Amino acid sequence: MRSIGVRELKSQASEIIQTVRNHRARYVITYRGEPVGLLTPLDKIPEADRSPALPSDQAVWDELDRLAEEIGRGWSSPQSSAEGLSEMRR
């Protein structure tokens, strides 16, 4: 198994991914000479490693609306949030 430094991985990412995909190559990724990860081909992502389902777009918007209401109830500044952000950017 070949070792590859982070810089080389960054500069040759496309070629390395093609090698992993087409030739089933495996790489030990190193940072300053120390192994930090493994790049290996996958046939299938194991069920235990899958991310939980992402919330729907509507659920995200509903949560943002809920948070906006909560923040609004505690807002004590005479400025609006938009005015406060605008002032912070100056």
C-alpha atoms as a PDB file:
ATOM      1  CA  MET A   1       0.000   0.000   0.000  1.00  0.00           C
ATOM      2  CA  ARG A   2       1.416   3.354  -1.037  1.00  0.00           C
ATOM      3  CA  SER A   3       1.765   6.328   1.335  1.00  0.00           C
ATOM      4  CA  ILE A   4       0.799   9.760   0.097  1.00  0.00           C
ATOM      5  CA  GLY A   5       1.329  13.124   1.744  1.00  0.00           C
ATOM      6  CA  VAL A   6      -1.453  15.651   2.118  1.00  0.00           C
ATOM      7  CA  ARG A   7       0.176  18.053  -0.343  1.00  0.00           C
ATOM      8  CA  GLU A   8       0.534  15.390  -3.012  1.00  0.00           C
ATOM      9  CA  LEU A   9      -3.047  14.263  -2.396  1.00  0.00           C
ATOM     10  CA  LYS A  10      -4.247  17.837  -2.793  1.00  0.00           C
ATOM     11  CA  SER A  11      -2.323  18.471  -5.999  1.00  0.00           C
ATOM     12  CA  GLN A  12      -3.174  15.130  -7.624  1.00  0.00           C
ATOM     13  CA  ALA A  13      -6.614  14.378  -6.163  1.00  0.00           C
ATOM     14  CA  SER A  14      -8.343  13.622  -9.475  1.00  0.00           C
ATOM     15  CA  GLU A  15      -5.664  11.217 -10.645  1.00  0.00           C
ATOM     16  CA  ILE A  16      -5.496   9.482  -7.262  1.00  0.00           C
ATOM     17  CA  ILE A  17      -9.268   9.035  -7.074  1.00  0.00           C
ATOM     18  CA  GLN A  18      -9.246   7.554 -10.583  1.00  0.00           C
ATOM     19  CA  THR A  19      -6.526   5.115  -9.516  1.00  0.00           C
ATOM     20  CA  VAL A  20      -8.543   4.102  -6.449  1.00  0.00           C
ATOM     21  CA  ARG A  21     -11.690   3.672  -8.528  1.00  0.00           C
ATOM     22  CA  ASN A  22     -10.188   1.959 -11.584  1.00  0.00           C
ATOM     23  CA  HIS A  23      -7.374  -0.080 -10.049  1.00  0.00           C
ATOM     24  CA  ARG A  24      -8.726  -0.569  -6.518  1.00  0.00           C
ATOM     25  CA  ALA A  25      -5.594   1.113  -5.139  1.00  0.00           C
ATOM     26  CA  ARG A  26      -5.283   1.958  -1.457  1.00  0.00           C
ATOM     27  CA  TYR A  27      -3.307   4.836   0.041  1.00  0.00           C
ATOM     28  CA  VAL A  28      -2.169   5.690   3.541  1.00  0.00           C
ATOM     29  CA  ILE A  29      -2.536   9.459   3.858  1.00  0.00           C
ATOM     30  CA  THR A  30       0.234  11.122   5.848  1.00  0.00           C
ATOM     31  CA  TYR A  31       0.653  14.510   7.450  1.00  0.00           C
ATOM     32  CA  ARG A  32       4.254  15.466   8.155  1.00  0.00           C
ATOM     33  CA  GLY A  33       5.207  11.840   7.702  1.00  0.00           C
ATOM     34  CA  GLU A  34       2.675  10.487  10.206  1.00  0.00           C
ATOM     35  CA  PRO A  35      -0.237   8.330   9.000  1.00  0.00           C
ATOM     36  CA  VAL A  36      -3.594  10.087   9.518  1.00  0.00           C
ATOM     37  CA  GLY A  37      -6.024   8.272   7.266  1.00  0.00           C
ATOM     38  CA  LEU A  38      -6.681   5.621   4.705  1.00  0.00           C
ATOM     39  CA  LEU A  39      -8.032   6.118   1.192  1.00  0.00           C
ATOM     40  CA  THR A  40      -9.582   2.888   0.025  1.00  0.00           C
ATOM     41  CA  PRO A  41     -12.168   1.886  -2.577  1.00  0.00           C
ATOM     42  CA  LEU A  42     -15.708   1.118  -1.465  1.00  0.00           C
ATOM     43  CA  ASP A  43     -18.054  -1.373  -2.983  1.00  0.00           C
ATOM     44  CA  LYS A  44     -20.856  -0.380  -0.689  1.00  0.00           C
ATOM     45  CA  ILE A  45     -21.087   1.868   2.378  1.00  0.00           C
ATOM     46  CA  PRO A  46     -21.757  -0.258   5.457  1.00  0.00           C
ATOM     47  CA  GLU A  47     -25.162   0.523   6.997  1.00  0.00           C
ATOM     48  CA  ALA A  48     -23.578   1.377  10.365  1.00  0.00           C
ATOM     49  CA  ASP A  49     -21.431   4.089   8.736  1.00  0.00           C
ATOM     50  CA  ARG A  50     -24.233   5.847   6.871  1.00  0.00           C
ATOM     51  CA  SER A  51     -25.171   9.317   7.989  1.00  0.00           C
ATOM     52  CA  PRO A  52     -28.596   9.721   9.517  1.00  0.00           C
ATOM     53  CA  ALA A  53     -31.247  10.942   7.104  1.00  0.00           C
ATOM     54  CA  LEU A  54     -31.101  14.651   6.517  1.00  0.00           C
ATOM     55  CA  PRO A  55     -34.163  16.686   7.454  1.00  0.00           C
ATOM     56  CA  SER A  56     -36.410  17.847   4.651  1.00  0.00           C
ATOM     57  CA  ASP A  57     -36.123  21.389   3.345  1.00  0.00           C
ATOM     58  CA  GLN A  58     -39.462  22.216   4.956  1.00  0.00           C
ATOM     59  CA  ALA A  59     -38.277  20.927   8.342  1.00  0.00           C
ATOM     60  CA  VAL A  60     -35.198  23.142   8.125  1.00  0.00           C
ATOM     61  CA  TRP A  61     -37.286  26.217   7.277  1.00  0.00           C
ATOM     62  CA  ASP A  62     -39.732  25.413  10.091  1.00  0.00           C
ATOM     63  CA  GLU A  63     -36.841  25.231  12.562  1.00  0.00           C
ATOM     64  CA  LEU A  64     -35.422  28.540  11.288  1.00  0.00           C
ATOM     65  CA  ASP A  65     -38.842  30.176  11.705  1.00  0.00           C
ATOM     66  CA  ARG A  66     -39.088  28.793  15.245  1.00  0.00           C
ATOM     67  CA  LEU A  67     -35.626  30.123  16.107  1.00  0.00           C
ATOM     68  CA  ALA A  68     -36.436  33.533  14.609  1.00  0.00           C
ATOM     69  CA  GLU A  69     -39.537  33.780  16.812  1.00  0.00           C
ATOM     70  CA  GLU A  70     -37.542  32.756  19.880  1.00  0.00           C
ATOM     71  CA  ILE A  71     -34.843  35.335  19.170  1.00  0.00           C
ATOM     72  CA  GLY A  72     -37.496  37.965  18.461  1.00  0.00           C
ATOM     73  CA  ARG A  73     -39.127  37.431  21.864  1.00  0.00           C
ATOM     74  CA  GLY A  74     -35.837  38.178  23.612  1.00  0.00           C
ATOM     75  CA  TRP A  75     -34.743  41.036  21.315  1.00  0.00           C
ATOM     76  CA  SER A  76     -34.321  44.204  23.382  1.00  0.00           C
ATOM     77  CA  SER A  77     -32.304  46.444  21.063  1.00  0.00           C
ATOM     78  CA  PRO A  78     -33.994  49.380  19.333  1.00  0.00           C
ATOM     79  CA  GLN A  79     -32.146  48.291  16.154  1.00  0.00           C
ATOM     80  CA  SER A  80     -33.435  45.529  13.926  1.00  0.00           C
ATOM     81  CA  SER A  81     -31.219  42.505  13.450  1.00  0.00           C
ATOM     82  CA  ALA A  82     -30.544  43.630   9.867  1.00  0.00           C
ATOM     83  CA  GLU A  83     -29.379  47.025  11.118  1.00  0.00           C
ATOM     84  CA  GLY A  84     -27.156  45.383  13.710  1.00  0.00           C
ATOM     85  CA  LEU A  85     -25.547  43.128  11.130  1.00  0.00           C
ATOM     86  CA  SER A  86     -25.047  46.025   8.756  1.00  0.00           C
ATOM     87  CA  GLU A  87     -23.335  48.018  11.495  1.00  0.00           C
ATOM     88  CA  MET A  88     -21.079  45.069  12.389  1.00  0.00           C
ATOM     89  CA  ARG A  89     -19.905  44.778   8.782  1.00  0.00           C
ATOM     90  CA  ARG A  90     -18.587  48.323   8.700  1.00  0.00           C
END
